[in-house]
Structure formats: C-alpha cells, structure tokens
N, C-alpha and C. Protein backbone atom coordinates (compact mmCIF):
# COMPACT_ATOMS: atom_id res chain seq x y z
N MET A 1 4.32 -19.00 13.81
CA MET A 1 3.81 -17.14 15.44
C MET A 1 2.81 -16.57 14.82
N SER A 2 2.26 -16.05 16.56
CA SER A 2 1.01 -16.48 16.19
C SER A 2 0.47 -14.62 16.81
N ASP A 3 1.48 -14.02 15.52
CA ASP A 3 0.49 -12.62 15.86
C ASP A 3 0.19 -12.43 14.77
N GLY A 4 -0.89 -13.62 13.65
CA GLY A 4 -1.65 -12.73 12.56
C GLY A 4 -1.51 -11.95 12.06
N LEU A 5 0.62 -12.80 11.59
CA LEU A 5 0.53 -12.05 10.40
C LEU A 5 1.64 -12.62 9.63
N ASP A 6 1.33 -13.05 8.09
CA ASP A 6 2.04 -13.93 7.52
C ASP A 6 3.18 -13.07 7.22
N ASP A 7 3.88 -13.78 5.90
CA ASP A 7 4.92 -13.81 5.56
C ASP A 7 4.81 -12.99 4.01
N ILE A 8 3.34 -12.01 3.95
CA ILE A 8 3.60 -11.29 2.62
C ILE A 8 3.79 -9.74 3.75
N ASP A 9 1.99 -10.20 4.65
CA ASP A 9 2.62 -8.64 5.63
C ASP A 9 3.06 -8.47 6.16
N ARG A 10 4.07 -9.27 6.43
CA ARG A 10 5.59 -9.09 7.18
C ARG A 10 6.83 -8.86 6.18
N LEU A 11 6.14 -9.29 4.60
CA LEU A 11 7.13 -7.37 3.67
C LEU A 11 6.91 -6.70 3.34
N VAL A 12 4.56 -6.37 3.17
CA VAL A 12 4.36 -5.15 3.03
C VAL A 12 4.84 -4.48 4.17
N ILE A 13 4.94 -4.79 5.37
CA ILE A 13 5.69 -3.40 7.00
C ILE A 13 7.03 -3.79 6.14
N ARG A 14 7.64 -4.11 5.91
CA ARG A 14 9.37 -3.79 5.87
C ARG A 14 9.43 -3.60 4.76
N GLU A 15 8.56 -3.59 3.91
CA GLU A 15 8.40 -2.18 2.40
C GLU A 15 8.41 -1.03 2.76
N LEU A 16 7.71 -0.65 3.56
CA LEU A 16 6.37 0.77 4.30
C LEU A 16 7.64 1.34 5.65
N GLN A 17 9.07 0.35 6.26
CA GLN A 17 10.22 1.03 7.15
C GLN A 17 10.85 1.31 5.78
N ASP A 18 11.79 0.50 4.31
CA ASP A 18 12.53 0.75 3.98
C ASP A 18 11.79 2.07 3.35
N ASP A 19 11.05 2.85 3.06
CA ASP A 19 9.88 3.84 2.59
C ASP A 19 8.58 3.73 2.32
N ALA A 20 8.02 3.92 3.57
CA ALA A 20 6.33 4.66 3.45
C ALA A 20 5.84 5.04 2.53
N ARG A 21 6.93 5.93 1.94
CA ARG A 21 6.06 6.39 0.11
C ARG A 21 6.24 6.46 -0.60
N GLN A 22 6.19 4.98 -0.83
CA GLN A 22 5.88 4.05 -2.85
C GLN A 22 4.55 3.59 -2.24
N SER A 23 4.80 4.31 -3.57
CA SER A 23 3.49 3.23 -3.96
C SER A 23 2.84 2.30 -3.81
N ASN A 24 1.43 1.57 -3.76
CA ASN A 24 0.30 0.24 -4.03
C ASN A 24 1.32 0.06 -4.93
N VAL A 25 1.19 0.21 -6.47
CA VAL A 25 1.98 -0.57 -7.36
C VAL A 25 3.34 -0.98 -7.05
N SER A 26 4.21 -0.22 -6.53
CA SER A 26 5.88 -0.43 -5.77
C SER A 26 6.07 -2.03 -5.17
N LEU A 27 4.40 -1.86 -4.40
CA LEU A 27 4.57 -2.75 -2.70
C LEU A 27 3.40 -4.19 -3.54
N ALA A 28 2.62 -3.48 -4.66
CA ALA A 28 2.28 -5.40 -5.09
C ALA A 28 3.74 -6.55 -6.43
N LYS A 29 3.77 -5.16 -6.68
CA LYS A 29 5.72 -5.95 -7.57
C LYS A 29 6.41 -6.50 -5.87
N LYS A 30 6.92 -5.59 -5.21
CA LYS A 30 7.14 -6.97 -4.53
C LYS A 30 6.74 -7.87 -4.55
N ALA A 31 5.27 -8.18 -3.58
CA ALA A 31 4.15 -8.65 -2.62
C ALA A 31 4.05 -9.56 -4.05
N GLY A 32 3.71 -9.32 -5.11
CA GLY A 32 3.63 -10.90 -6.37
C GLY A 32 1.86 -10.50 -6.00
N LEU A 33 0.88 -9.15 -5.62
CA LEU A 33 -0.39 -9.06 -5.54
C LEU A 33 -0.26 -8.18 -6.49
N THR A 34 -2.23 -8.59 -7.02
CA THR A 34 -2.27 -6.76 -7.73
C THR A 34 -2.25 -5.15 -6.52
N GLU A 35 -2.29 -4.38 -7.13
CA GLU A 35 -2.04 -3.37 -5.93
C GLU A 35 -3.66 -2.81 -5.48
N GLY A 36 -4.49 -4.07 -5.50
CA GLY A 36 -6.49 -3.76 -5.20
C GLY A 36 -5.37 -4.40 -3.48
N ALA A 37 -5.11 -5.13 -4.37
CA ALA A 37 -4.32 -6.69 -2.42
C ALA A 37 -4.18 -5.85 -1.45
N VAL A 38 -2.25 -5.09 -2.24
CA VAL A 38 -1.74 -4.68 -1.34
C VAL A 38 -2.89 -3.97 -0.83
N ARG A 39 -3.71 -2.98 -1.18
CA ARG A 39 -4.00 -1.78 -0.86
C ARG A 39 -5.32 -1.75 0.01
N ARG A 40 -6.28 -2.98 0.10
CA ARG A 40 -6.55 -3.49 1.08
C ARG A 40 -5.61 -4.43 2.60
N ARG A 41 -4.90 -4.32 2.32
CA ARG A 41 -4.14 -5.71 3.32
C ARG A 41 -3.13 -4.45 4.28
N VAL A 42 -2.98 -3.19 3.23
CA VAL A 42 -2.19 -2.35 3.82
C VAL A 42 -3.27 -1.67 4.55
N ASP A 43 -4.10 -1.15 4.63
CA ASP A 43 -6.16 -0.26 5.31
C ASP A 43 -6.16 -1.42 6.36
N ARG A 44 -6.17 -3.33 6.01
CA ARG A 44 -6.35 -3.45 7.33
C ARG A 44 -5.27 -3.48 7.84
N LEU A 45 -3.88 -3.91 7.98
CA LEU A 45 -2.10 -4.21 8.60
C LEU A 45 -2.67 -3.01 9.83
N LEU A 46 -3.06 -1.44 9.04
CA LEU A 46 -3.46 -0.74 9.64
C LEU A 46 -4.11 -0.52 10.87
N LYS A 47 -5.90 -0.77 10.09
CA LYS A 47 -6.39 -0.70 11.57
C LYS A 47 -6.74 -1.33 12.01
N ALA A 48 -5.73 -2.71 12.54
CA ALA A 48 -5.47 -3.50 13.38
C ALA A 48 -4.40 -3.47 14.30
N GLY A 49 -3.21 -2.02 14.19
CA GLY A 49 -2.20 -1.17 15.00
C GLY A 49 -1.88 -2.27 15.04
N ALA A 50 -0.95 -3.12 13.10
CA ALA A 50 0.26 -3.44 13.48
C ALA A 50 1.31 -3.13 13.17
N PHE A 51 0.87 -1.27 12.77
CA PHE A 51 2.32 -0.73 12.65
C PHE A 51 0.88 0.55 12.00
N ARG A 52 2.18 2.05 12.56
CA ARG A 52 1.53 3.08 12.13
C ARG A 52 2.31 3.96 10.68
N ILE A 53 2.00 4.24 9.72
CA ILE A 53 2.38 5.33 8.93
C ILE A 53 2.88 7.14 9.24
N VAL A 54 3.98 7.08 9.85
CA VAL A 54 4.26 8.38 10.53
C VAL A 54 5.79 9.49 10.27
N ALA A 55 6.22 10.67 9.68
CA ALA A 55 7.00 11.06 9.71
C ALA A 55 8.25 11.43 11.15
N VAL A 56 8.81 11.06 11.71
CA VAL A 56 10.24 10.71 12.47
C VAL A 56 11.34 11.51 11.91
N GLY A 57 11.16 12.79 12.99
CA GLY A 57 12.12 13.83 12.91
C GLY A 57 13.16 13.77 13.12
N ASP A 58 14.06 14.15 13.14
CA ASP A 58 15.41 13.69 13.47
C ASP A 58 15.83 15.42 14.03
N PRO A 59 15.66 14.58 16.12
CA PRO A 59 16.44 15.62 16.77
C PRO A 59 16.94 16.54 17.35
N ASN A 60 18.43 16.55 16.17
CA ASN A 60 19.00 17.57 16.51
C ASN A 60 18.83 18.53 14.83
N ARG A 61 18.36 17.66 13.97
CA ARG A 61 17.65 19.52 13.08
C ARG A 61 15.94 20.50 13.48
N LEU A 62 16.04 19.19 14.06
CA LEU A 62 14.55 20.02 14.77
C LEU A 62 15.04 20.58 16.41
N GLY A 63 15.89 20.91 16.75
CA GLY A 63 17.37 21.88 17.61
C GLY A 63 16.49 21.54 18.65
N LEU A 64 17.32 20.19 18.90
CA LEU A 64 17.09 18.61 20.10
C LEU A 64 18.43 18.70 20.37
N GLN A 65 19.51 18.51 20.23
CA GLN A 65 20.43 18.16 20.65
C GLN A 65 20.91 17.42 22.30
N THR A 66 20.01 17.20 23.24
CA THR A 66 21.13 16.82 24.03
C THR A 66 18.85 15.42 24.35
N HIS A 67 20.33 14.65 24.29
CA HIS A 67 19.68 13.22 24.56
C HIS A 67 19.25 12.55 25.81
N ALA A 68 18.29 12.37 26.82
CA ALA A 68 18.37 11.69 28.03
C ALA A 68 18.13 10.87 28.13
N ILE A 69 18.05 10.01 29.24
CA ILE A 69 17.44 8.71 29.99
C ILE A 69 17.87 8.78 31.56
N PHE A 70 16.70 8.71 31.69
CA PHE A 70 16.29 8.18 33.00
C PHE A 70 15.78 7.79 33.50
N ALA A 71 17.11 7.15 35.07
CA ALA A 71 16.10 5.54 34.98
C ALA A 71 15.61 6.45 36.72
N LEU A 72 14.39 5.45 36.72
CA LEU A 72 13.51 5.96 38.25
C LEU A 72 13.28 4.75 38.67
N ARG A 73 13.52 4.83 40.64
CA ARG A 73 13.37 4.31 40.90
C ARG A 73 11.01 5.17 40.76
N CYS A 74 10.04 3.74 41.57
CA CYS A 74 9.45 5.08 42.07
C CYS A 74 8.52 3.97 42.79
N ASN A 75 7.56 4.13 44.19
CA ASN A 75 6.76 3.96 44.41
C ASN A 75 6.16 2.75 44.00
N LEU A 76 5.47 1.14 44.75
CA LEU A 76 5.32 0.99 43.77
C LEU A 76 4.32 0.81 43.20
N ALA A 77 3.29 0.86 44.26
CA ALA A 77 1.61 1.14 44.58
C ALA A 77 0.78 2.22 43.34
N GLN A 78 2.15 3.40 43.15
CA GLN A 78 1.65 4.71 42.31
C GLN A 78 2.11 4.38 41.13
N LEU A 79 2.93 3.07 40.47
CA LEU A 79 3.26 3.10 39.21
C LEU A 79 2.78 3.19 37.63
N ASP A 80 1.29 2.43 37.95
CA ASP A 80 0.62 2.93 37.02
C ASP A 80 0.24 4.07 37.21
N GLU A 81 -0.05 4.94 38.47
CA GLU A 81 -0.21 6.70 38.31
C GLU A 81 1.38 6.96 38.22
N ILE A 82 1.85 7.05 37.68
CA ILE A 82 3.95 7.64 37.96
C ILE A 82 3.41 6.75 36.00
N ALA A 83 3.69 6.46 36.14
CA ALA A 83 4.10 5.43 34.50
C ALA A 83 2.89 6.63 33.35
N SER A 84 1.97 6.57 33.48
CA SER A 84 0.51 7.54 32.36
C SER A 84 0.84 8.38 32.21
N ASN A 85 1.06 9.51 33.55
CA ASN A 85 1.67 10.46 33.87
C ASN A 85 3.36 10.91 33.74
N LEU A 86 3.92 9.89 33.21
CA LEU A 86 5.50 10.12 32.31
C LEU A 86 5.69 10.02 30.18
N ALA A 87 3.75 9.02 30.48
CA ALA A 87 3.96 9.34 28.97
C ALA A 87 2.87 10.85 29.08
N ALA A 88 2.40 10.60 29.85
CA ALA A 88 1.67 12.47 29.11
C ALA A 88 1.88 13.56 28.66
N MET A 89 3.58 13.74 29.05
CA MET A 89 4.60 14.76 29.58
C MET A 89 5.72 14.36 27.57
N LYS A 90 5.13 15.72 26.59
CA LYS A 90 5.91 15.88 25.36
C LYS A 90 6.99 15.97 26.08
N GLU A 91 8.47 16.31 26.21
CA GLU A 91 9.28 15.38 26.22
C GLU A 91 9.86 14.93 26.07
N LEU A 92 8.84 12.98 26.66
CA LEU A 92 9.11 12.10 26.87
C LEU A 92 8.55 11.15 26.39
N SER A 93 9.23 10.25 25.02
CA SER A 93 9.50 9.41 23.40
C SER A 93 9.59 8.19 24.12
N TYR A 94 9.70 8.22 25.30
CA TYR A 94 10.06 6.46 25.34
C TYR A 94 9.24 6.35 26.80
N VAL A 95 8.71 5.94 27.74
CA VAL A 95 7.79 5.79 29.00
C VAL A 95 8.31 4.13 28.99
N TYR A 96 9.22 2.81 29.61
CA TYR A 96 9.13 1.75 29.68
C TYR A 96 9.53 0.79 31.42
N GLU A 97 7.97 0.70 31.39
CA GLU A 97 8.32 -0.24 32.62
C GLU A 97 9.42 -1.13 32.36
N THR A 98 10.22 -1.11 34.14
CA THR A 98 11.57 -2.24 33.70
C THR A 98 11.63 -3.04 34.84
N THR A 99 11.61 -4.49 35.22
CA THR A 99 12.60 -4.68 36.01
C THR A 99 13.49 -4.89 36.34
N GLY A 100 14.46 -5.37 37.00
CA GLY A 100 15.58 -4.62 37.73
C GLY A 100 15.66 -3.04 39.26
N ARG A 101 16.36 -2.92 38.87
CA ARG A 101 17.00 -1.93 39.56
C ARG A 101 15.62 -0.76 39.35
N TYR A 102 15.39 -0.49 38.51
CA TYR A 102 14.88 0.68 38.13
C TYR A 102 13.36 0.20 37.52
N ASP A 103 12.61 0.60 38.26
CA ASP A 103 11.38 0.48 37.67
C ASP A 103 10.49 1.11 36.99
N VAL A 104 10.84 2.29 35.56
CA VAL A 104 10.88 2.77 34.86
C VAL A 104 11.85 3.60 34.41
N MET A 105 12.27 3.02 33.34
CA MET A 105 13.04 3.78 32.07
C MET A 105 12.20 4.45 31.32
N ALA A 106 12.51 5.79 30.66
CA ALA A 106 11.34 6.73 30.21
C ALA A 106 13.79 7.61 29.30
N VAL A 107 12.81 8.38 28.09
CA VAL A 107 13.82 8.86 27.02
C VAL A 107 13.21 10.07 26.44
N GLY A 108 13.87 11.61 26.59
CA GLY A 108 13.77 12.10 26.25
C GLY A 108 14.44 13.22 26.12
N PHE A 109 14.27 14.21 24.45
CA PHE A 109 14.35 14.77 24.05
C PHE A 109 14.24 16.48 24.31
N PHE A 110 16.09 17.61 24.61
CA PHE A 110 15.87 18.57 24.44
C PHE A 110 16.54 19.00 24.00
N ALA A 111 16.76 20.60 24.34
CA ALA A 111 17.21 22.07 23.02
C ALA A 111 18.25 22.16 24.28
N SER A 112 19.14 21.49 24.87
CA SER A 112 20.09 22.07 26.25
C SER A 112 19.89 21.38 27.31
N ASN A 113 21.21 21.75 27.91
CA ASN A 113 21.71 20.46 29.07
C ASN A 113 20.57 21.60 29.90
N GLU A 114 20.45 21.87 29.65
CA GLU A 114 19.75 23.34 30.96
C GLU A 114 18.15 22.90 30.83
N LYS A 115 17.21 22.62 29.51
CA LYS A 115 15.90 21.98 29.31
C LYS A 115 16.22 20.68 31.12
N VAL A 116 17.26 20.15 30.41
CA VAL A 116 17.60 18.24 30.89
C VAL A 116 16.81 19.10 32.76
N ARG A 117 17.80 19.70 32.92
CA ARG A 117 17.73 20.54 34.62
C ARG A 117 16.50 20.33 34.41
N GLU A 118 15.78 21.24 34.02
CA GLU A 118 14.06 22.37 34.15
C GLU A 118 13.44 21.00 34.36
N PHE A 119 12.83 20.13 33.73
CA PHE A 119 13.19 19.03 33.52
C PHE A 119 12.51 18.13 35.00
N ILE A 120 13.76 17.51 34.90
CA ILE A 120 13.99 17.05 36.02
C ILE A 120 13.74 17.93 37.13
N THR A 121 14.37 19.07 37.59
CA THR A 121 13.68 20.02 39.17
C THR A 121 12.62 20.14 38.97
N GLY A 122 11.39 20.85 37.35
CA GLY A 122 9.95 21.10 37.42
C GLY A 122 9.64 20.36 37.43
N ARG A 123 9.74 18.99 36.68
CA ARG A 123 8.80 18.31 35.99
C ARG A 123 8.42 16.50 37.01
N LEU A 124 9.21 16.27 36.63
CA LEU A 124 10.65 14.77 38.30
C LEU A 124 10.43 15.00 39.06
N ALA A 125 10.74 16.12 39.51
CA ALA A 125 10.31 16.21 41.51
C ALA A 125 9.24 16.44 42.07
N GLN A 126 8.70 17.06 40.77
CA GLN A 126 6.71 16.84 41.31
C GLN A 126 6.66 16.64 40.84
N GLU A 127 6.45 14.68 40.39
CA GLU A 127 5.09 13.08 40.64
C GLU A 127 5.62 13.08 41.64
N ASP A 128 4.33 13.01 42.22
CA ASP A 128 5.12 12.14 42.97
C ASP A 128 4.88 11.08 43.77
N GLY A 129 5.55 10.28 44.35
CA GLY A 129 5.79 8.64 44.00
C GLY A 129 7.34 7.93 43.28
N ILE A 130 7.88 9.00 42.87
CA ILE A 130 9.29 8.93 42.45
C ILE A 130 9.78 8.71 43.43
N THR A 131 11.01 8.59 43.36
CA THR A 131 11.55 8.02 44.88
C THR A 131 13.01 9.20 44.66
N GLU A 132 14.06 7.82 43.60
CA GLU A 132 15.00 8.03 43.20
C GLU A 132 15.16 8.40 41.23
N CYS A 133 15.88 9.29 41.36
CA CYS A 133 16.56 9.35 39.06
C CYS A 133 17.56 9.25 38.92
N ASP A 134 18.67 8.21 38.09
CA ASP A 134 19.25 8.11 37.24
C ASP A 134 19.18 8.79 36.37
N THR A 135 19.73 10.58 35.51
CA THR A 135 19.55 10.72 34.41
C THR A 135 21.42 10.16 33.74
N PHE A 136 21.30 9.52 32.38
CA PHE A 136 22.50 9.56 31.56
C PHE A 136 22.00 10.88 30.31
N MET A 137 23.38 11.30 29.92
CA MET A 137 23.58 11.53 28.87
C MET A 137 23.33 11.45 28.30
N VAL A 138 23.33 11.14 26.98
CA VAL A 138 23.80 10.47 25.19
C VAL A 138 25.17 11.01 25.02
N MET A 139 25.69 10.87 24.74
CA MET A 139 27.24 11.29 24.21
C MET A 139 27.28 11.17 22.27
N ARG A 140 26.23 9.83 22.10
CA ARG A 140 26.55 9.89 21.36
C ARG A 140 25.71 9.13 20.47
N THR A 141 24.71 8.90 19.09
CA THR A 141 24.22 8.46 19.62
C THR A 141 24.63 7.19 18.32
N VAL A 142 24.96 6.26 18.16
CA VAL A 142 26.17 4.85 16.93
C VAL A 142 24.00 4.93 16.40
N LYS A 143 23.77 4.69 16.80
CA LYS A 143 22.09 3.53 15.66
C LYS A 143 21.03 3.89 16.53
N ARG A 144 20.42 4.71 15.55
CA ARG A 144 19.11 5.52 15.65
C ARG A 144 17.66 4.07 15.30
N SER A 145 17.07 3.46 14.52
CA SER A 145 16.77 2.30 13.97
C SER A 145 14.97 2.29 14.94
N PHE A 146 14.50 2.06 13.31
CA PHE A 146 12.84 2.39 13.70
C PHE A 146 11.93 1.05 12.83
N ARG A 147 13.24 0.34 12.72
CA ARG A 147 13.05 -1.71 11.98
C ARG A 147 12.73 -2.25 13.04
N TRP A 148 11.54 -1.97 13.59
CA TRP A 148 11.13 -3.81 14.20
C TRP A 148 10.70 -4.30 14.17
N GLY A 149 11.23 -5.90 14.75
CA GLY A 149 10.72 -6.85 14.27
C GLY A 149 11.43 -8.07 13.05
N GLU A 150 13.06 -7.00 12.36
CA GLU A 150 13.96 -8.52 11.90
C GLU A 150 13.89 -8.96 12.80
N THR A 151 14.95 -9.26 13.65
CA THR A 151 15.22 -10.04 14.31
C THR A 151 14.16 -11.67 14.42
N ALA A 152 12.61 -11.52 15.16
CA ALA A 152 11.97 -11.80 15.24
C ALA A 152 11.73 -12.82 14.47
N ASP A 153 11.77 -12.38 12.43
CA ASP A 153 10.98 -12.60 11.52
C ASP A 153 12.23 -14.13 10.97
N ASP A 154 13.85 -13.82 11.43
CA ASP A 154 14.63 -14.81 11.16
C ASP A 154 14.32 -15.38 12.28
N GLU A 155 13.81 -15.81 13.30
CA GLU A 155 13.55 -16.60 14.54
C GLU A 155 12.72 -17.65 13.77
N PHE A 156 11.37 -16.48 13.26
CA PHE A 156 10.56 -17.35 13.00
C PHE A 156 10.53 -18.12 11.54
N LYS A 157 11.82 -17.76 10.19
CA LYS A 157 11.90 -18.52 9.50
C LYS A 157 12.40 -18.96 10.12
N ALA A 158 13.36 -18.99 10.84
CA ALA A 158 14.36 -20.79 11.13
C ALA A 158 13.81 -21.34 11.53
N THR A 159 12.29 -21.44 12.98
CA THR A 159 11.26 -22.39 13.96
C THR A 159 10.72 -22.78 12.28
N ALA A 160 10.14 -22.18 11.59
CA ALA A 160 9.26 -22.97 10.50
C ALA A 160 10.41 -23.82 9.34
N ASP A 161 11.55 -23.60 9.07
CA ASP A 161 12.27 -24.19 8.07
C ASP A 161 13.39 -25.39 9.24
N ALA A 162 12.69 -25.89 10.68
CA ALA A 162 13.27 -26.74 10.79
C ALA A 162 12.43 -28.11 11.21
C-alpha cells in the first residue's frame, strides 16, 4: 500500500480508534514493541497527519437532535470559494465536493428544525454561486462510526496474500 503505513502503524491506529485513552504500555504489549518504540511511533504518526486524537461528542447529548444533509448545485467557476466558505461555517461538520447530480454535499447538526431553516435562509441563501439546495433531514441514525480504513486493510491483506 502506498500510504507509507506498515502493519504495526495500522494496528496502533486501530487500537487507538477503539480506545484513544489506553496507555503506551498497553499499546506496546499489543504491538509487540517497547513502550518507547510505541511512543515514538505514535508521535511520528501524529506529526505525519496519519491520525488525530480528539474527543467526539454525541450530537444528541450536546443538544443537536436535528441532523441535516445539504445537497448543493453550484456555479462551477465558484466551486473552490463556495467549498471554502462552507467549510468555515461552524454549523457544518462535513463538506464534500462530489461528482454526479450535486457539486457539494454538506452535513450539519442543529438544535431544531427552526435552526436548520435559519441556516438555509440566513447562511446558505447568502452564499453567492449556490444555484440549488436540496435538504435531507435524517430521521434516524443507524450507524455512526469513526473507524475509517478497515476495508482498506482487508483489501491490502488480500493482495499481499495473493
């Protein structure tokens, strides 16, 4: 795999995704390394941007019960500027440039339907270059995971075994 990560790097990241508060001693046992080697590896991976250690709040417990997805069509000449402006909006957690019917998909968490309406009419409507906005209200979250890359590991192992 061309990401520059080895199997031990991936193991360390997976373990930290399970429990970012576990000690380097615990990680070292699982990786078969010394505590110092794990500490240096974690520091290297953090500096390289391979992962970040953050607290992820539960939107519902933070009073953000309304989850909305905004599908936007934009003037393509303004796409970079629009995407940057959207990324700066604190209401939005994810902003993606996409292919297909929509140019940008954005995800936000809000306290109420009224706050979504205010966001659409007060923020998105003011953004020059957005030509269409379809809003999707999430009725129920079936899965919310922050464990990225597991299928890539499976694909990597399958090609390595072949």
